[in-house]
Amino acid sequence: MNNKKYSQMSEQELRTEIANLKEKARKAEQLGIVNEYAVYERKAMMAQSFLTDVNSIKPGEMYRISGDPGMFFQVEYLKGKFAWGYRLGGDKYEEALPISILEPLEEGK
C-alpha cells in the first residue's frame, strides 16, 4: 500500500495508481459492490487530476463533463486540482469538479 499523497507521486507512480484503482473498480463492479466501485472510480479521477495540466482549464469557459453525456460545466475559478463553477441547466449551486473530468467543447469538431 502506497501512503504517498497524489501530489508527491511521480507521473509513473500516478499512472500505476490509476491502473490499480481502475482494476479494483472493475472487480467491485463485477461483484456488484456499487459503493466500493464508486469510491475507486472517484479516487482514480482524483489521481488523474494530478496528470492534467491545470492551465488547460480556463475560468469563464464551458466544458463537457466526462462520463455525463449532455452535461456542461461553466468554470468560475480554479483551486488546486478542482474547477469551481456551475452545471448548465442545473440548480445553479456552486460545486467543485476534479479538473480531469472536464473536456473542451471543441473536441470532435
C-alpha atoms as a PDB file:
ATOM      1  CA  MET A   1       0.000   0.000   0.000  1.00  0.00           C
ATOM      2  CA  ASN A   2       1.401   3.342  -1.070  1.00  0.00           C
ATOM      3  CA  ASN A   3       0.908   6.036   1.571  1.00  0.00           C
ATOM      4  CA  LYS A   4       2.184   8.875  -0.607  1.00  0.00           C
ATOM      5  CA  LYS A   5      -0.165  11.723  -1.431  1.00  0.00           C
ATOM      6  CA  TYR A   6      -1.005  12.083  -5.117  1.00  0.00           C
ATOM      7  CA  SER A   7       0.782  15.450  -5.108  1.00  0.00           C
ATOM      8  CA  GLN A   8       4.008  13.682  -4.056  1.00  0.00           C
ATOM      9  CA  MET A   9       3.875  10.944  -6.709  1.00  0.00           C
ATOM     10  CA  SER A  10       5.808  10.901  -9.960  1.00  0.00           C
ATOM     11  CA  GLU A  11       3.934  10.630 -13.259  1.00  0.00           C
ATOM     12  CA  GLN A  12       4.729   6.886 -13.426  1.00  0.00           C
ATOM     13  CA  GLU A  13       3.542   6.318  -9.842  1.00  0.00           C
ATOM     14  CA  LEU A  14       0.296   8.151 -10.643  1.00  0.00           C
ATOM     15  CA  ARG A  15      -0.263   6.082 -13.797  1.00  0.00           C
ATOM     16  CA  THR A  16       0.318   2.871 -11.812  1.00  0.00           C
ATOM     17  CA  GLU A  17      -2.027   4.053  -9.050  1.00  0.00           C
ATOM     18  CA  ILE A  18      -4.735   4.925 -11.607  1.00  0.00           C
ATOM     19  CA  ALA A  19      -4.394   1.492 -13.254  1.00  0.00           C
ATOM     20  CA  ASN A  20      -4.640  -0.226  -9.844  1.00  0.00           C
ATOM     21  CA  LEU A  21      -7.700   1.816  -8.849  1.00  0.00           C
ATOM     22  CA  LYS A  22      -9.429   1.113 -12.170  1.00  0.00           C
ATOM     23  CA  GLU A  23      -8.753  -2.621 -11.730  1.00  0.00           C
ATOM     24  CA  LYS A  24     -10.188  -2.537  -8.192  1.00  0.00           C
ATOM     25  CA  ALA A  25     -13.216  -0.634  -9.529  1.00  0.00           C
ATOM     26  CA  ARG A  26     -13.693  -3.239 -12.279  1.00  0.00           C
ATOM     27  CA  LYS A  27     -13.586  -6.087  -9.742  1.00  0.00           C
ATOM     28  CA  ALA A  28     -16.015  -4.299  -7.407  1.00  0.00           C
ATOM     29  CA  GLU A  29     -18.375  -3.721 -10.347  1.00  0.00           C
ATOM     30  CA  GLN A  30     -18.208  -7.416 -11.302  1.00  0.00           C
ATOM     31  CA  LEU A  31     -19.041  -8.350  -7.722  1.00  0.00           C
ATOM     32  CA  GLY A  32     -21.914  -5.850  -7.668  1.00  0.00           C
ATOM     33  CA  ILE A  33     -20.398  -3.769  -4.870  1.00  0.00           C
ATOM     34  CA  VAL A  34     -21.655  -0.432  -6.166  1.00  0.00           C
ATOM     35  CA  ASN A  35     -20.412   1.825  -3.354  1.00  0.00           C
ATOM     36  CA  GLU A  36     -16.890   0.349  -3.497  1.00  0.00           C
ATOM     37  CA  TYR A  37     -16.888   0.761  -7.295  1.00  0.00           C
ATOM     38  CA  ALA A  38     -17.832   4.449  -6.921  1.00  0.00           C
ATOM     39  CA  VAL A  39     -15.059   5.072  -4.369  1.00  0.00           C
ATOM     40  CA  TYR A  40     -12.349   3.557  -6.612  1.00  0.00           C
ATOM     41  CA  GLU A  41     -13.642   5.435  -9.666  1.00  0.00           C
ATOM     42  CA  ARG A  42     -13.573   8.719  -7.733  1.00  0.00           C
ATOM     43  CA  LYS A  43     -10.043   8.058  -6.436  1.00  0.00           C
ATOM     44  CA  ALA A  44      -8.869   7.309  -9.993  1.00  0.00           C
ATOM     45  CA  MET A  45     -10.412  10.616 -11.172  1.00  0.00           C
ATOM     46  CA  MET A  46      -8.581  12.488  -8.444  1.00  0.00           C
ATOM     47  CA  ALA A  47      -5.261  10.818  -9.266  1.00  0.00           C
ATOM     48  CA  GLN A  48      -5.825  11.643 -12.956  1.00  0.00           C
ATOM     49  CA  SER A  49      -6.235  15.312 -11.990  1.00  0.00           C
ATOM     50  CA  PHE A  50      -2.584  15.349 -10.942  1.00  0.00           C
ATOM     51  CA  LEU A  51      -1.643  14.373 -14.520  1.00  0.00           C
ATOM     52  CA  THR A  52      -3.902  17.065 -16.002  1.00  0.00           C
ATOM     53  CA  ASP A  53      -2.371  20.461 -16.791  1.00  0.00           C
ATOM     54  CA  VAL A  54      -4.247  22.967 -14.659  1.00  0.00           C
ATOM     55  CA  ASN A  55      -3.506  25.598 -17.337  1.00  0.00           C
ATOM     56  CA  SER A  56      -5.663  23.637 -19.795  1.00  0.00           C
ATOM     57  CA  ILE A  57      -8.758  24.714 -17.819  1.00  0.00           C
ATOM     58  CA  LYS A  58      -9.722  28.362 -18.263  1.00  0.00           C
ATOM     59  CA  PRO A  59     -12.053  30.241 -15.892  1.00  0.00           C
ATOM     60  CA  GLY A  60     -15.054  31.643 -17.741  1.00  0.00           C
ATOM     61  CA  GLU A  61     -15.107  28.777 -20.259  1.00  0.00           C
ATOM     62  CA  MET A  62     -17.584  25.947 -20.697  1.00  0.00           C
ATOM     63  CA  TYR A  63     -16.575  22.255 -20.605  1.00  0.00           C
ATOM     64  CA  ARG A  64     -18.201  18.875 -21.139  1.00  0.00           C
ATOM     65  CA  ILE A  65     -18.323  16.616 -18.084  1.00  0.00           C
ATOM     66  CA  SER A  66     -16.680  13.282 -18.907  1.00  0.00           C
ATOM     67  CA  GLY A  67     -18.941  10.315 -18.213  1.00  0.00           C
ATOM     68  CA  ASP A  68     -22.027  12.546 -18.040  1.00  0.00           C
ATOM     69  CA  PRO A  69     -23.282  12.935 -21.644  1.00  0.00           C
ATOM     70  CA  GLY A  70     -25.044  16.182 -22.424  1.00  0.00           C
ATOM     71  CA  MET A  71     -23.917  17.818 -19.182  1.00  0.00           C
ATOM     72  CA  PHE A  72     -21.887  21.029 -19.338  1.00  0.00           C
ATOM     73  CA  PHE A  73     -19.937  22.897 -16.673  1.00  0.00           C
ATOM     74  CA  GLN A  74     -19.189  26.623 -16.545  1.00  0.00           C
ATOM     75  CA  VAL A  75     -15.844  27.149 -14.774  1.00  0.00           C
ATOM     76  CA  GLU A  76     -15.752  30.185 -12.488  1.00  0.00           C
ATOM     77  CA  TYR A  77     -12.339  29.645 -10.863  1.00  0.00           C
ATOM     78  CA  LEU A  78      -9.697  27.028 -10.100  1.00  0.00           C
ATOM     79  CA  LYS A  79      -8.480  25.974  -6.683  1.00  0.00           C
ATOM     80  CA  GLY A  80      -5.821  23.276  -6.616  1.00  0.00           C
ATOM     81  CA  LYS A  81      -6.913  20.386  -8.827  1.00  0.00           C
ATOM     82  CA  PHE A  82     -10.593  21.411  -8.735  1.00  0.00           C
ATOM     83  CA  ALA A  83     -12.620  23.647 -11.019  1.00  0.00           C
ATOM     84  CA  TRP A  84     -15.395  25.522  -9.235  1.00  0.00           C
ATOM     85  CA  GLY A  85     -18.479  26.579 -11.115  1.00  0.00           C
ATOM     86  CA  TYR A  86     -21.972  25.586 -12.207  1.00  0.00           C
ATOM     87  CA  ARG A  87     -23.619  22.853 -14.272  1.00  0.00           C
ATOM     88  CA  LEU A  88     -25.694  24.219 -17.118  1.00  0.00           C
ATOM     89  CA  GLY A  89     -29.382  23.625 -16.631  1.00  0.00           C
ATOM     90  CA  GLY A  90     -28.787  22.711 -13.000  1.00  0.00           C
ATOM     91  CA  ASP A  91     -29.955  24.431  -9.847  1.00  0.00           C
ATOM     92  CA  LYS A  92     -27.153  26.994 -10.183  1.00  0.00           C
ATOM     93  CA  TYR A  93     -25.425  25.940  -6.993  1.00  0.00           C
ATOM     94  CA  GLU A  94     -21.656  26.173  -6.985  1.00  0.00           C
ATOM     95  CA  GLU A  95     -19.762  22.906  -6.966  1.00  0.00           C
ATOM     96  CA  ALA A  96     -16.216  21.682  -7.490  1.00  0.00           C
ATOM     97  CA  LEU A  97     -15.223  19.032 -10.020  1.00  0.00           C
ATOM     98  CA  PRO A  98     -11.806  17.405 -10.474  1.00  0.00           C
ATOM     99  CA  ILE A  99     -10.151  19.027 -13.498  1.00  0.00           C
ATOM    100  CA  SER A 100      -9.511  15.583 -15.014  1.00  0.00           C
ATOM    101  CA  ILE A 101     -13.207  15.105 -15.863  1.00  0.00           C
ATOM    102  CA  LEU A 102     -13.565  18.354 -17.819  1.00  0.00           C
ATOM    103  CA  GLU A 103     -13.325  18.081 -21.606  1.00  0.00           C
ATOM    104  CA  PRO A 104     -13.054  21.012 -24.026  1.00  0.00           C
ATOM    105  CA  LEU A 105     -16.131  21.671 -26.156  1.00  0.00           C
ATOM    106  CA  GLU A 106     -14.063  21.867 -29.365  1.00  0.00           C
ATOM    107  CA  GLU A 107     -13.232  18.128 -29.287  1.00  0.00           C
ATOM    108  CA  GLY A 108     -14.723  16.148 -32.125  1.00  0.00           C
ATOM    109  CA  LYS A 109     -15.392  19.123 -34.424  1.00  0.00           C
END
